[in-house]
Protein backbone atom coordinates (compact mmCIF):
# COMPACT_ATOMS: atom_id res chain seq x y z
CA MET A 1 171.43 201.79 83.27
CA ALA A 2 169.25 201.06 80.68
CA PRO A 3 166.48 198.00 80.62
CA GLY A 4 168.17 194.97 79.40
CA ARG A 5 171.70 196.10 80.99
CA ARG A 6 171.47 193.46 83.48
CA ARG A 7 170.26 189.69 83.36
CA LEU A 8 166.49 189.67 83.63
CA GLY A 9 166.03 187.12 86.26
CA PRO A 10 163.04 185.07 87.11
CA PHE A 11 160.96 188.39 86.50
CA LEU A 12 160.70 187.78 82.83
CA ASN A 13 159.51 184.23 82.79
CA THR A 14 156.21 185.22 85.39
CA ILE A 15 155.69 187.81 83.11
CA VAL A 16 155.70 186.27 79.75
CA GLU A 17 153.29 183.43 81.93
CA ALA A 18 151.53 185.85 83.62
CA LEU A 19 150.60 187.70 80.23
CA ARG A 20 149.94 184.37 78.23
CA VAL A 21 147.27 183.62 80.76
CA LEU A 22 145.86 186.78 80.69
CA ASP A 23 145.38 186.45 77.02
CA GLY A 24 143.44 183.62 77.18
CA VAL A 25 140.15 185.23 78.61
CA PRO A 26 138.62 188.52 77.77
CA ALA A 27 138.25 191.12 79.98
CA PRO A 28 135.94 193.88 79.18
CA TYR A 29 134.87 196.47 81.45
CA GLY A 30 132.76 195.57 84.14
CA ARG A 31 132.59 191.84 83.35
CA GLU A 32 136.14 190.59 84.50
CA SER A 33 134.95 187.85 86.14
CA ALA A 34 136.15 185.00 83.79
CA ALA A 35 139.12 186.45 83.68
CA ALA A 36 140.21 186.92 87.18
CA ALA A 37 139.08 183.33 88.18
CA HIS A 38 141.21 182.44 85.13
CA LEU A 39 143.84 184.30 86.66
CA ALA A 40 143.05 183.18 90.27
CA SER A 41 143.02 179.62 89.40
CA TRP A 42 146.63 179.55 87.90
CA CYS A 43 148.23 181.74 90.43
CA ALA A 44 146.95 179.63 92.91
CA ALA A 45 148.49 176.34 91.25
CA ARG A 46 151.83 178.46 90.86
CA TRP A 47 151.99 180.14 94.29
CA PRO A 48 150.04 177.66 96.77
CA SER A 49 151.24 179.17 99.80
CA ILE A 50 149.30 182.72 99.05
CA GLU A 51 146.10 183.27 98.89
CA TRP A 52 144.34 184.49 95.88
CA THR A 53 140.74 185.63 95.97
CA VAL A 54 138.46 186.73 93.06
CA GLN A 55 136.05 189.10 94.63
CA PRO A 56 132.60 189.87 92.66
CA TYR A 57 131.06 193.07 92.29
CA GLY A 58 128.21 194.22 90.26
CA ASP A 59 126.51 192.23 87.01
CA GLY A 60 129.71 190.63 86.09
CA GLY A 61 133.02 192.75 87.78
CA ALA A 62 135.55 191.56 89.83
CA ASN A 63 138.75 191.80 91.41
CA LEU A 64 141.92 189.90 92.26
CA TYR A 65 144.02 190.15 95.17
CA ALA A 66 146.48 188.69 97.42
CA GLY A 67 148.97 189.36 100.33
CA ASP A 68 148.86 191.18 103.67
CA PRO A 69 146.49 194.35 103.62
CA SER A 70 148.81 196.27 106.18
CA GLY A 71 151.63 196.63 103.13
CA VAL A 72 151.53 198.94 100.45
CA LEU A 73 149.16 198.68 97.46
CA LEU A 74 150.39 197.31 94.31
CA TYR A 75 147.37 198.22 91.54
CA SER A 76 146.51 197.88 88.26
CA HIS A 77 143.27 196.61 86.69
CA LEU A 78 142.14 193.57 84.39
CA ASP A 79 139.63 195.61 82.25
CA THR A 80 141.06 196.49 78.40
CA SER A 81 140.57 199.72 77.06
CA LEU A 82 138.81 197.67 74.06
CA SER A 83 137.14 194.78 75.10
CA GLY A 84 138.45 192.15 72.10
CA ASP A 85 135.07 191.85 70.86
CA PRO A 86 134.94 192.88 67.23
CA HIS A 87 131.44 193.57 67.12
CA GLU A 88 131.51 195.62 70.28
CA ASP A 89 135.03 197.61 69.19
CA GLY A 90 133.73 197.96 65.78
CA PRO A 91 132.32 201.49 66.36
CA ILE A 92 135.89 202.67 67.09
CA THR A 93 138.16 200.28 65.09
CA ALA A 94 136.61 199.78 62.20
CA ARG A 95 137.38 196.18 61.80
CA ALA A 96 135.69 193.19 61.84
CA ASP A 97 138.60 190.81 62.60
CA ALA A 98 139.64 189.12 66.01
CA PRO A 99 142.80 190.39 67.45
CA ALA A 100 145.46 187.89 67.04
CA PRO A 101 146.83 185.99 69.99
CA LEU A 102 149.74 187.01 72.24
CA LYS A 103 153.35 187.12 70.26
CA VAL A 104 156.23 186.58 72.32
CA THR A 105 160.08 186.73 70.86
CA PRO A 106 163.26 187.17 72.71
CA ALA A 107 162.72 190.67 72.69
CA HIS A 108 159.44 191.92 72.81
CA VAL A 109 155.83 191.22 73.22
CA GLU A 110 152.83 192.36 71.71
CA GLY A 111 149.57 191.75 71.99
CA PHE A 112 145.51 192.93 72.37
CA GLY A 113 145.46 194.94 75.66
CA LEU A 114 148.96 194.80 76.96
CA GLY A 115 149.17 198.47 77.07
CA VAL A 116 145.62 199.05 79.01
CA ALA A 117 146.77 197.13 81.11
CA ARG A 118 148.13 193.74 81.06
CA ALA A 119 151.79 194.46 80.22
CA PRO A 120 152.51 196.45 83.97
CA ALA A 121 149.78 193.94 85.61
CA ALA A 122 151.94 190.94 84.78
CA ALA A 123 155.33 193.24 86.30
CA ALA A 124 153.18 194.30 88.66
CA LEU A 125 151.87 190.43 89.96
CA ALA A 126 155.68 189.38 89.81
CA ALA A 127 156.72 191.93 91.57
CA PHE A 128 154.57 190.96 94.60
CA THR A 129 155.48 187.35 94.13
CA THR A 130 158.94 188.45 94.92
CA ALA A 131 158.48 190.41 97.55
CA THR A 132 155.96 187.87 99.54
CA ALA A 133 158.73 185.31 99.00
CA ARG A 134 161.20 187.53 100.40
CA GLY A 135 158.73 187.99 103.70
CA ILE A 136 158.03 191.75 102.33
CA PRO A 137 154.58 192.91 103.79
CA VAL A 138 152.75 194.07 100.35
CA ARG A 139 148.74 193.73 98.75
CA LEU A 140 148.27 193.43 95.00
CA LEU A 141 144.98 194.21 94.06
CA LEU A 142 144.20 193.71 90.34
CA ALA A 143 141.01 195.69 89.89
CA GLY A 144 138.11 195.43 87.23
CA SER A 145 136.36 198.30 85.71
CA GLY A 146 139.80 200.32 86.03
CA THR A 147 139.42 202.43 82.29
CA HIS A 148 137.01 205.42 82.31
CA ARG A 149 133.59 204.68 80.88
CA ALA A 150 130.37 207.08 81.07
CA VAL A 151 128.24 204.65 82.35
CA SER A 152 126.01 205.41 86.06
CA PRO A 153 126.18 204.68 88.97
CA ARG A 154 130.09 204.21 88.05
CA THR A 155 131.24 201.76 90.66
CA THR A 156 134.79 200.68 90.18
CA GLY A 157 136.38 197.48 90.85
CA LEU A 158 138.77 199.93 93.50
CA ASP A 159 135.88 202.00 94.98
CA ARG A 160 134.70 197.91 95.87
CA TYR A 161 137.71 196.92 97.17
CA LEU A 162 138.41 200.28 99.36
CA ALA A 163 134.74 199.89 100.34
CA THR A 164 135.79 197.10 102.71
CA ALA A 165 139.70 196.78 102.83
CA PRO A 166 141.77 198.12 105.04
CA ARG A 167 143.40 201.22 104.31
CA PRO A 168 146.81 201.05 102.69
CA PRO A 169 149.63 202.80 103.89
CA ALA A 170 150.53 203.83 100.25
CA ALA A 171 149.66 202.74 97.12
CA VAL A 172 151.38 202.08 93.49
CA VAL A 173 149.85 202.00 90.46
CA ALA A 174 151.59 200.20 87.76
CA LYS A 175 150.34 201.29 84.53
CA CYS A 176 152.05 202.22 81.30
CA GLY A 177 152.63 205.67 80.59
CA PRO A 178 155.66 208.05 80.22
CA PRO A 179 159.43 207.03 81.10
CA THR A 180 159.30 208.56 84.58
CA LEU A 181 157.64 208.49 87.91
CA LEU A 182 154.21 210.35 88.54
CA TRP A 183 152.72 211.36 91.53
CA GLU A 184 150.38 214.09 90.20
CA GLU A 185 147.80 213.00 87.67
CA PRO A 186 145.20 214.93 86.03
CA GLY A 187 141.36 214.67 86.78
CA ALA A 188 138.98 213.13 83.76
CA LEU A 189 135.27 214.89 83.08
CA TYR A 190 132.91 213.37 80.15
CA LEU A 191 130.75 216.00 79.10
CA ARG A 192 127.86 215.53 76.45
CA VAL A 193 126.45 218.48 74.12
CA ARG A 194 123.02 218.13 73.14
CA VAL A 195 121.58 220.29 70.17
CA GLN A 196 118.12 219.87 69.71
CA GLY A 197 115.09 221.24 67.00
CA ARG A 198 112.55 219.25 65.73
CA HIS A 199 112.28 215.90 63.55
CA GLY A 200 111.21 215.60 60.20
CA ALA A 201 110.85 213.54 57.15
CA VAL A 202 113.43 213.14 54.54
CA LEU A 203 110.51 212.99 51.59
CA ALA A 204 109.11 216.50 53.08
CA ARG A 205 112.92 218.56 53.96
CA GLU A 206 110.72 221.78 55.72
CA SER A 207 108.95 219.85 57.97
CA ALA A 208 112.06 220.03 60.03
CA ASP A 209 114.10 222.29 62.30
CA PRO A 210 116.02 223.23 60.65
CA PRO A 211 115.48 222.38 57.36
CA GLY A 212 117.18 219.08 57.00
CA GLY A 213 117.44 218.32 60.52
CA VAL A 214 119.96 219.12 62.70
CA ILE A 215 122.23 216.40 61.35
CA ALA A 216 122.97 218.31 58.56
CA HIS A 217 124.38 221.14 60.45
CA ALA A 218 126.69 218.97 61.98
CA GLY A 219 130.18 220.25 61.05
CA SER A 220 129.15 223.69 62.46
CA VAL A 221 128.91 221.83 66.40
CA ILE A 222 131.90 219.96 65.39
CA GLU A 223 134.22 223.14 64.35
CA ALA A 224 132.46 225.22 67.67
CA VAL A 225 133.81 222.65 69.76
CA GLU A 226 137.60 221.99 68.12
CA ARG A 227 137.39 226.31 68.30
CA TRP A 228 136.51 225.56 72.31
CA ARG A 229 138.99 222.95 72.55
CA THR A 230 141.79 225.36 71.42
CA ALA A 231 140.84 227.80 73.82
CA TYR A 232 140.41 225.35 76.96
CA LEU A 233 144.05 224.08 76.79
CA ARG A 234 145.18 227.75 76.21
CA ALA A 235 143.24 228.98 79.10
CA HIS A 236 143.92 225.45 81.86
CA THR A 237 147.60 225.01 81.03
CA ALA A 238 149.22 223.84 84.63
CA PRO A 239 152.73 225.54 85.10
CA GLY A 240 154.59 224.13 87.82
CA THR A 241 153.23 220.72 87.95
CA GLN A 242 153.36 217.37 86.01
CA VAL A 243 149.88 217.62 84.57
CA GLY A 244 148.14 219.55 81.68
CA PRO A 245 144.68 219.58 80.10
CA ALA A 246 143.18 218.10 76.63
CA ALA A 247 139.92 217.93 75.16
CA GLY A 248 138.14 216.07 71.87
CA ILE A 249 134.74 214.83 70.46
CA GLY A 250 134.79 210.99 70.74
CA SER A 251 131.43 210.12 69.89
CA LEU A 252 128.68 211.87 67.55
CA THR A 253 125.17 210.34 67.62
CA SER A 254 122.03 211.13 65.95
CA GLY A 255 119.08 209.53 64.40
CA ARG A 256 118.67 206.07 63.74
CA PRO A 257 120.84 203.73 61.08
CA ASP A 258 117.69 201.77 60.55
CA LYS A 259 115.42 204.59 60.28
CA PRO A 260 117.18 206.91 58.02
CA ASP A 261 114.13 208.54 55.93
CA LEU A 262 113.51 210.21 59.03
CA PHE A 263 115.61 213.92 60.00
CA PRO A 264 116.54 213.44 63.78
CA ALA A 265 115.60 216.29 66.65
CA LEU A 266 118.62 214.89 68.37
CA LEU A 267 122.69 215.71 67.63
CA GLU A 268 124.36 214.61 70.36
CA ALA A 269 128.28 214.97 71.20
CA GLY A 270 130.56 213.24 73.60
CA ILE A 271 133.47 214.88 74.92
CA TYR A 272 136.53 213.78 76.79
CA ALA A 273 138.21 216.72 78.90
CA VAL A 274 141.46 215.69 80.80
CA THR A 275 141.27 218.30 84.00
CA VAL A 276 144.18 220.60 85.50
CA PRO A 277 144.13 221.03 89.46
CA GLY A 278 141.51 223.55 90.50
CA ALA A 279 138.97 223.24 87.48
CA ASP A 280 135.93 223.89 87.81
CA PRO A 281 133.40 220.75 86.04
CA HIS A 282 130.71 223.25 85.39
CA GLU A 283 132.27 226.32 84.49
CA ILE A 284 134.04 224.07 81.65
CA ALA A 285 130.54 222.66 80.77
CA ALA A 286 129.52 226.48 80.73
CA SER A 287 131.81 227.79 78.45
CA LEU A 288 131.78 224.74 75.87
CA ARG A 289 127.97 225.68 75.82
CA SER A 290 128.64 229.09 75.18
CA ALA A 291 131.29 228.45 72.30
CA ILE A 292 128.84 226.66 70.65
CA GLU A 293 125.35 228.93 70.98
CA SER A 294 127.73 231.47 70.07
CA ALA A 295 128.60 229.70 66.58
CA CYS A 296 124.85 228.55 65.92
CA ALA A 297 123.62 231.94 66.71
CA ASN A 298 123.30 233.59 63.31
CA GLY A 299 122.87 229.92 61.09
CA PRO A 300 120.68 227.34 60.69
CA LEU A 301 120.73 225.94 64.25
CA SER A 302 119.74 229.22 66.07
CA THR A 303 116.57 228.15 66.96
CA CYS A 304 118.06 225.17 68.49
CA THR A 305 118.26 224.26 72.10
CA VAL A 306 122.08 223.97 73.23
CA THR A 307 122.27 222.19 76.31
CA VAL A 308 125.93 220.31 78.12
CA ASP A 309 125.71 217.41 80.92
CA VAL A 310 128.41 216.84 83.21
CA ASP A 311 129.54 213.65 84.29
CA GLU A 312 132.91 214.00 86.17
CA VAL A 313 134.98 210.61 87.04
CA HIS A 314 137.16 212.51 89.28
CA PRO A 315 139.06 215.49 89.87
CA ALA A 316 142.76 216.09 89.59
CA ALA A 317 144.89 215.04 92.43
CA ALA A 318 148.89 215.09 93.40
CA THR A 319 150.62 213.30 96.15
CA PRO A 320 153.26 215.54 97.85
CA ALA A 321 156.68 215.12 95.93
CA GLY A 322 158.52 214.28 99.28
CA ALA A 323 155.79 211.94 100.45
CA PRO A 324 157.56 208.47 101.57
CA VAL A 325 156.15 206.29 98.77
CA VAL A 326 157.81 209.27 96.42
CA ARG A 327 161.05 209.03 97.75
CA ALA A 328 161.09 205.17 97.60
CA ALA A 329 159.89 205.29 93.89
CA ARG A 330 162.79 207.86 93.53
CA ALA A 331 165.52 205.28 95.21
CA ALA A 332 163.93 202.58 93.53
CA TRP A 333 163.97 204.54 89.76
CA GLU A 334 167.62 205.85 90.43
CA SER A 335 169.16 201.89 91.62
CA GLU A 336 167.63 200.38 88.66
CA PHE A 337 168.58 202.85 85.50
CA GLY A 338 171.41 204.71 87.42
CA THR A 339 169.64 208.42 87.10
CA ALA A 340 166.91 210.17 88.40
CA PRO A 341 163.00 210.03 86.88
CA PRO A 342 163.19 212.92 84.38
CA PRO A 343 161.21 216.13 84.95
CA ILE A 344 157.80 216.19 82.92
CA GLN A 345 155.20 218.59 82.67
CA ASN A 346 151.50 218.58 80.55
CA TRP A 347 150.98 214.81 81.27
CA THR A 348 147.53 214.15 80.07
CA GLY A 349 146.80 210.27 81.22
CA SER A 350 144.51 210.05 84.34
CA THR A 351 144.16 206.39 86.28
CA ASP A 352 142.87 205.49 89.30
CA GLY A 353 145.71 206.68 91.26
CA VAL A 354 143.39 210.18 91.47
CA VAL A 355 140.50 207.28 93.05
CA LEU A 356 143.58 206.19 95.54
CA ARG A 357 144.78 209.86 96.51
CA ALA A 358 140.76 211.06 97.44
CA HIS A 359 140.61 208.57 99.97
CA GLY A 360 143.59 210.25 101.51
CA ILE A 361 146.22 207.02 100.46
CA ASP A 362 149.70 208.71 98.85
CA THR A 363 149.91 206.75 95.39
CA VAL A 364 152.78 207.01 92.82
CA ARG A 365 152.89 205.89 89.14
CA LEU A 366 154.97 204.04 87.28
CA GLY A 367 155.40 201.35 84.27
CA PRO A 368 156.52 200.59 80.99
CA SER A 369 156.00 202.42 77.85
CA ALA A 370 153.77 200.64 75.15
CA ARG A 371 153.70 201.45 71.43
CA PRO A 372 151.31 200.10 68.93
CA SER A 373 151.73 197.30 66.41
CA PRO A 374 152.16 198.58 62.91
CA ALA A 375 150.14 195.81 61.36
CA ASP A 376 147.22 196.45 64.11
CA PRO A 377 146.97 199.12 66.51
CA ARG A 378 144.77 197.22 68.69
CA ARG A 379 147.55 195.58 69.93
CA ASP A 380 150.48 196.63 71.82
CA VAL A 381 154.31 196.03 71.43
CA LEU A 382 157.07 196.68 75.03
CA ASP A 383 160.51 195.86 75.24
CA LEU A 384 160.91 192.76 77.60
CA PRO A 385 163.76 193.69 79.03
CA ALA A 386 161.75 196.73 80.15
CA LEU A 387 158.90 195.05 81.64
CA ALA A 388 161.69 192.88 83.98
CA ALA A 389 163.32 196.35 84.33
CA TYR A 390 159.93 197.74 86.45
CA ALA A 391 159.18 194.48 87.83
CA ARG A 392 162.66 195.10 89.44
CA VAL A 393 161.72 198.55 90.64
CA TYR A 394 158.39 197.26 91.71
CA ALA A 395 159.56 194.85 94.29
CA ALA A 396 162.64 197.35 95.01
CA LEU A 397 160.14 199.94 96.04
CA THR A 398 158.29 198.03 98.46
CA ARG A 399 161.37 196.77 99.82
CA ASN A 400 162.47 200.36 100.02
CA LEU A 401 158.95 201.35 102.20
CA ASP A 402 158.47 200.13 105.93
CA PRO A 403 154.59 200.61 106.32
CA ASP A 404 154.95 201.45 110.28
CA ALA A 405 157.04 204.77 108.85
CA VAL A 406 154.85 205.17 105.88
CA VAL A 407 151.81 205.53 108.39
CA ALA A 408 154.06 208.02 110.90
CA ASP A 409 155.34 210.45 108.05
CA SER A 410 152.10 210.54 106.42
């Protein structure tokens, strides 16, 4: 049965109200404390019988959690992929205007940060309050720092929560994604390529090595990375799994914008790689370095030094397909949609599900599909009936799981 064929019920009002609250306060990576406090205040007034806890960490980070710690963990996160600040996001979006406020119609919701991850977080919140009212033991965690960043040290809200909280019997990651059930997730890896020569002055072109500086030959490096990417995808397919590889250049930096009369000695390229089970980050980095060195060997960059730094966010991880949480999720899916979750291959989205699995917690991921707004790709559009449907799936999933049985069977 497709979403929307049923009565939307009380979930929809809660989802829309929660989205309006979330839209009111920015929640950039590592600076979610104001948003967590704002949402907690609204939740406490809306559901005063539930204890809502804001857990601060670091310099401005925060989690919001509530419910029974012995129950299944229903997880999403507060931070958005972009910050919502045009000045901060401008190098990515090339826009100087702020995103428009949330827009709700009878059929759709459109707004900033809905795909990552406010919409599924609101659906999880609606499911949690319904399950709690029915006496089902469940824990809701809306964490900070759930999006990937190449920062050190990397401390996520989920890491902070798991450091002190009881280990849950299982976890459900509420995130937008493909219209199916995921029990496997790829890993995430940042690679930083550094091509170093000698700096010089624009007025004396030959003073730099290579002449004109490394930035004049960035095209050769980019082409080498793109050729490497094609080989990487071909060599790292993962047949028999739900996941697949991906890679691409996400940043390119060299020199100082306020001092363009000097040729820079250093060109840096930031690369994100999605990894499959068994992938070795250092072997991946070595293959990338070799590809760039080979491309530069007979050209202007031949005298430059090439290095590749490795920053593994987390390796790929999987939950057994027969684990209790997977079976419960299948049953909830089939009850809601009238069919089994469709099979999937080569999924390249990685979330904190791998962090949960690293702690020995069986985890599934499922959630609605988002699409970019045709008017502003910073904003996402989601179907409200689909959001209500996934809230029902989350609630049914928690109902299908007996925590004692999950622990005994894991």
